[in-house]
C-alpha cells in the first residue's frame, strides 16, 4: 500500500491501521511531487489518499496517482464531503471511505482491487481491439480488401501459423512500420 497525505500524524495513524489489517505499507508521501516516483519504484497494490487540510492537495495527489495507473486509488475522508467525493470520482478514484473503521477499510480495499482488475481487463481488451483494427486497416489499404476479408486473412494466418490473432496483427503492424521507415530513408 502507498499512503499519501499532507498531515504526518494522520499518515502515521492510517499506516498503522493498514498494517494491522495485514498489509505492507511500501511508501508514504506528503508531497505531490514525490508520488509519481514512489509509485514507479514501489508498485503498490493500492494507494490511499487522505483528505487533509487542503482539498486541492488531496485532489492533486489523486490525479498524480491515477496518471501513474499502476494501482487503484481510495480516497479517505474524515467527514462526509459530497463535493470532494464528486471531484475525486472525476479524477479516477475507485472507492471513497469516511473515517475508516477496520471493516470499512478492508471492504474498500477489496472493492477497489476488484474494480481495478476489471478496469485493467477492459483496458487490455480495448488495446487488443485497437491492434486488430489497425492491422485490418493496413491490409485494407495495402491490398484493397474489405474489413471482413482483412479479418479473414489475419484469422487464416493465425490458424496456419498456430499463433494468436493478436500476435499476428502485432507482427503485421511492426513489419509495416519497419517497411515504412525503410521507404522513407
Foldseek 3Di string as FASTA:
>chain_A
DEEEAQDVVVQVVVCVLCVVLVDHHQYYYNALVCLLVSCVVRLDQEYEFEDDPDLVRSLSNLLSVVVSLSYAYEYEYQDDDPVSVVSSVVSGHQYYDHPDDSVRVVVSSVSRNVVSVVVVVVVVVVVLVVLLVVLLVVCCVPVVDDSVVSVVVLVVVCVVVVHDSSVSSVVSVVVVVVVVVVVVD
